[in-house]
Amino acid sequence: MAAVHTWYTGKFGGDPVCPFSTIADAVATWPETATAVAVRLDQAGNVELCAPLGLADLLAGVWRRNPRRASMRVSLARLARHQPAERWPGVRVIPPR
């Protein structure tokens, strides 16, 4: 399992991160709901999809804060830095609240 809990706070600040028990648990904490998706090939070459928050925001082009990990401060900073509506004109931004 990944060791995110050993470096996350040092890199991003905030509260300590508990170790994750599964990949889905870790992916569910990614900062925007549309990015909380992981894909891999299994040993047989089949695609495995991990989308613990679903695919609705990704497929609809919605940028929305995932409150599980991204604080309001972090989310607003990410929104200002990435400027998703300017970068991707079809994206609908749900302002953090």
Protein backbone atom coordinates (compact mmCIF):
# COMPACT_ATOMS: atom_id res chain seq x y z
CA MET A 1 0.00 0.00 0.00
CA ALA A 2 1.15 3.55 -0.65
CA ALA A 3 2.92 5.54 2.02
CA VAL A 4 1.11 8.85 1.45
CA HIS A 5 0.63 9.22 5.19
CA THR A 6 4.42 9.49 5.62
CA TRP A 7 4.91 12.55 3.39
CA TYR A 8 1.57 14.28 2.73
CA THR A 9 1.57 16.69 5.69
CA GLY A 10 5.17 17.72 5.06
CA LYS A 11 4.42 18.56 1.44
CA PHE A 12 0.90 20.03 1.69
CA GLY A 13 0.49 20.92 5.37
CA GLY A 14 -2.72 20.45 7.28
CA ASP A 15 -3.73 17.60 9.52
CA PRO A 16 -1.83 14.31 9.52
CA VAL A 17 -3.09 11.72 7.07
CA CYS A 18 -4.00 8.28 8.35
CA PRO A 19 -2.73 5.28 6.38
CA PHE A 20 -5.21 4.11 3.75
CA SER A 21 -6.48 0.55 3.83
CA THR A 22 -7.38 0.33 0.13
CA ILE A 23 -6.68 2.11 -3.13
CA ALA A 24 -10.34 3.16 -3.29
CA ASP A 25 -10.02 4.75 0.16
CA ALA A 26 -7.03 6.76 -1.04
CA VAL A 27 -8.56 7.76 -4.38
CA ALA A 28 -11.70 8.96 -2.56
CA THR A 29 -9.57 11.70 -0.96
CA TRP A 30 -8.29 13.28 -4.16
CA PRO A 31 -9.01 17.03 -4.17
CA GLU A 32 -11.71 17.27 -6.85
CA THR A 33 -14.49 14.78 -7.38
CA ALA A 34 -13.82 14.43 -11.11
CA THR A 35 -10.18 13.54 -10.46
CA ALA A 36 -10.98 10.82 -7.92
CA VAL A 37 -10.65 8.17 -10.62
CA ALA A 38 -7.90 5.61 -11.17
CA VAL A 39 -7.48 3.07 -13.96
CA ARG A 40 -5.09 0.14 -14.21
CA LEU A 41 -4.56 -3.08 -16.11
CA ASP A 42 -4.91 -6.26 -14.10
CA GLN A 43 -2.64 -9.26 -14.64
CA ALA A 44 -4.90 -10.56 -17.42
CA GLY A 45 -4.75 -7.22 -19.26
CA ASN A 46 -8.28 -6.17 -18.33
CA VAL A 47 -9.00 -2.57 -17.39
CA GLU A 48 -9.93 -2.01 -13.76
CA LEU A 49 -11.68 1.23 -12.88
CA CYS A 50 -11.66 2.71 -9.38
CA ALA A 51 -14.10 5.62 -9.02
CA PRO A 52 -15.26 5.70 -5.39
CA LEU A 53 -17.05 9.04 -5.90
CA GLY A 54 -18.58 7.95 -9.20
CA LEU A 55 -18.02 9.21 -12.72
CA ALA A 56 -20.83 11.76 -12.99
CA ASP A 57 -18.68 14.88 -12.45
CA LEU A 58 -15.91 13.63 -14.73
CA LEU A 59 -18.30 12.77 -17.56
CA ALA A 60 -20.30 15.99 -17.12
CA GLY A 61 -17.17 18.18 -17.00
CA VAL A 62 -17.77 19.45 -13.46
CA TRP A 63 -14.99 20.85 -11.23
CA ARG A 64 -16.14 20.37 -7.63
CA ARG A 65 -14.25 20.33 -4.32
CA ASN A 66 -13.94 17.01 -2.55
CA PRO A 67 -14.35 18.06 1.10
CA ARG A 68 -12.83 14.84 2.41
CA ARG A 69 -9.30 16.12 1.84
CA ALA A 70 -9.36 19.60 0.32
CA SER A 71 -10.02 22.32 2.87
CA MET A 72 -11.76 25.47 1.70
CA ARG A 73 -8.40 27.29 1.66
CA VAL A 74 -6.71 24.55 -0.37
CA SER A 75 -9.63 24.28 -2.76
CA LEU A 76 -9.75 28.02 -3.43
CA ALA A 77 -5.98 28.05 -4.01
CA ARG A 78 -6.26 25.12 -6.43
CA LEU A 79 -9.12 26.82 -8.26
CA ALA A 80 -7.09 30.05 -8.62
CA ARG A 81 -3.96 28.15 -9.71
CA HIS A 82 -5.60 25.81 -12.22
CA GLN A 83 -8.31 28.16 -13.53
CA PRO A 84 -10.29 25.25 -14.98
CA ALA A 85 -12.98 27.35 -16.69
CA GLU A 86 -10.31 29.24 -18.65
CA ARG A 87 -8.22 26.17 -19.44
CA TRP A 88 -11.18 24.02 -20.42
CA PRO A 89 -14.07 26.26 -21.58
CA GLY A 90 -16.61 23.42 -21.34
CA VAL A 91 -15.94 22.81 -17.65
CA ARG A 92 -18.58 23.92 -15.16
CA VAL A 93 -17.04 25.08 -11.89
CA ILE A 94 -19.02 24.52 -8.70
CA PRO A 95 -17.54 27.16 -6.35
CA PRO A 96 -16.20 25.69 -3.10
CA ARG A 97 -18.39 26.21 -0.07
